[in-house]
Amino acid sequence: MKEKIYSVLKGGFLINEDSFKNWRFMLFIVVLMLLMIASSHSSDKKVMEIAKLNKEIKELRAEFVDTRSISMELKLESTIRKKVLDMGLKPSENPPQVIRVVSKK
């Protein structure tokens, strides 16, 4: 048992007569490991990009809500009256009259 462990630790399985099979297997394992490492880096990169995009979405949503509230405030009649009052315009004292057109055929 000890001799087998020493043989593996010394690399005896790589220099024997049938070591070509072992080298092919080792090369296959190395290629699989490299693929696994590349895949993990790729997935990490995508996760980071998703986190960045989620943060950007939150910022844009907050900006949208801010802009919408400012826009709604500017559309209010009281705000419009204040801005128009600076120009010297006042609301009419007389209510508007409805004009009806009756056409006879």
Protein backbone atom coordinates (compact mmCIF):
# COMPACT_ATOMS: atom_id res chain seq x y z
CA MET A 1 0.00 0.00 0.00
CA LYS A 2 2.82 2.38 0.94
CA GLU A 3 4.64 1.70 -2.32
CA LYS A 4 1.54 2.55 -4.38
CA ILE A 5 1.13 5.88 -2.58
CA TYR A 6 4.84 6.69 -3.08
CA SER A 7 4.56 5.73 -6.75
CA VAL A 8 1.64 8.13 -7.22
CA LEU A 9 3.39 10.92 -5.32
CA LYS A 10 6.61 10.47 -7.31
CA GLY A 11 4.65 10.46 -10.59
CA GLY A 12 5.42 6.89 -11.54
CA PHE A 13 2.09 6.55 -13.32
CA LEU A 14 3.21 9.23 -15.79
CA ILE A 15 6.45 7.50 -16.84
CA ASN A 16 5.34 3.86 -17.14
CA GLU A 17 4.94 2.04 -20.45
CA ASP A 18 1.19 2.66 -20.60
CA SER A 19 1.47 6.27 -19.43
CA PHE A 20 0.06 7.60 -22.74
CA LYS A 21 -3.47 6.74 -21.53
CA ASN A 22 -2.78 8.57 -18.29
CA TRP A 23 -1.49 11.64 -20.09
CA ARG A 24 -4.58 11.77 -22.31
CA PHE A 25 -6.81 11.49 -19.26
CA MET A 26 -4.85 14.23 -17.45
CA LEU A 27 -5.09 16.49 -20.49
CA PHE A 28 -8.83 15.86 -20.65
CA ILE A 29 -9.19 16.77 -16.96
CA VAL A 30 -7.16 19.97 -17.46
CA VAL A 31 -9.34 21.02 -20.41
CA LEU A 32 -12.48 20.39 -18.36
CA MET A 33 -11.07 22.45 -15.50
CA LEU A 34 -10.24 25.34 -17.84
CA LEU A 35 -13.76 25.23 -19.27
CA MET A 36 -15.22 25.27 -15.78
CA ILE A 37 -13.09 28.27 -14.77
CA ALA A 38 -14.03 30.17 -17.93
CA SER A 39 -17.71 29.40 -17.39
CA SER A 40 -17.58 30.61 -13.80
CA HIS A 41 -15.87 33.86 -14.84
CA SER A 42 -18.47 34.39 -17.53
CA SER A 43 -21.36 33.84 -15.11
CA ASP A 44 -19.76 36.18 -12.54
CA LYS A 45 -19.43 38.86 -15.20
CA LYS A 46 -23.10 38.48 -16.12
CA VAL A 47 -24.18 38.67 -12.48
CA MET A 48 -22.21 41.89 -12.03
CA GLU A 49 -23.77 43.36 -15.17
CA ILE A 50 -27.27 42.43 -13.97
CA ALA A 51 -26.62 44.10 -10.60
CA LYS A 52 -25.37 47.23 -12.37
CA LEU A 53 -28.43 47.33 -14.63
CA ASN A 54 -30.80 46.83 -11.67
CA LYS A 55 -29.16 49.77 -9.89
CA GLU A 56 -29.53 51.90 -13.02
CA ILE A 57 -33.22 50.90 -13.30
CA LYS A 58 -33.84 52.02 -9.71
CA GLU A 59 -32.14 55.36 -10.36
CA LEU A 60 -34.09 55.95 -13.57
CA ARG A 61 -37.37 55.01 -11.89
CA ALA A 62 -36.68 57.50 -9.08
CA GLU A 63 -35.85 60.19 -11.65
CA PHE A 64 -39.06 59.40 -13.53
CA VAL A 65 -41.19 59.72 -10.38
CA ASP A 66 -39.48 63.02 -9.55
CA THR A 67 -40.05 64.42 -13.02
CA ARG A 68 -43.67 63.24 -13.09
CA SER A 69 -44.45 64.91 -9.74
CA ILE A 70 -42.88 68.18 -10.94
CA SER A 71 -44.88 67.95 -14.16
CA MET A 72 -48.14 67.32 -12.27
CA GLU A 73 -47.43 70.30 -10.04
CA LEU A 74 -46.84 72.54 -13.07
CA LYS A 75 -50.18 71.45 -14.58
CA LEU A 76 -52.18 72.57 -11.53
CA GLU A 77 -54.47 75.54 -12.07
CA SER A 78 -53.09 77.39 -9.03
CA THR A 79 -49.53 77.16 -10.39
CA ILE A 80 -50.62 78.37 -13.80
CA ARG A 81 -52.52 81.32 -12.24
CA LYS A 82 -49.40 82.37 -10.28
CA LYS A 83 -47.22 82.27 -13.40
CA VAL A 84 -49.77 84.12 -15.53
CA LEU A 85 -50.37 86.75 -12.83
CA ASP A 86 -46.73 87.84 -13.23
CA MET A 87 -47.51 88.64 -16.88
CA GLY A 88 -50.48 90.77 -15.91
CA LEU A 89 -53.24 88.34 -16.89
CA LYS A 90 -56.17 87.79 -14.53
CA PRO A 91 -59.04 85.33 -14.56
CA SER A 92 -62.22 86.56 -16.25
CA GLU A 93 -64.98 87.97 -14.07
CA ASN A 94 -67.71 86.78 -16.44
CA PRO A 95 -68.15 83.07 -17.02
CA PRO A 96 -67.82 81.88 -20.61
CA GLN A 97 -70.95 81.64 -22.72
CA VAL A 98 -71.85 78.64 -24.81
CA ILE A 99 -72.50 79.38 -28.48
CA ARG A 100 -74.81 76.93 -30.16
CA VAL A 101 -75.03 76.71 -33.92
CA VAL A 102 -78.23 75.30 -35.30
CA SER A 103 -78.06 74.39 -38.93
CA LYS A 104 -81.23 73.86 -40.94
CA LYS A 105 -81.11 71.48 -43.85
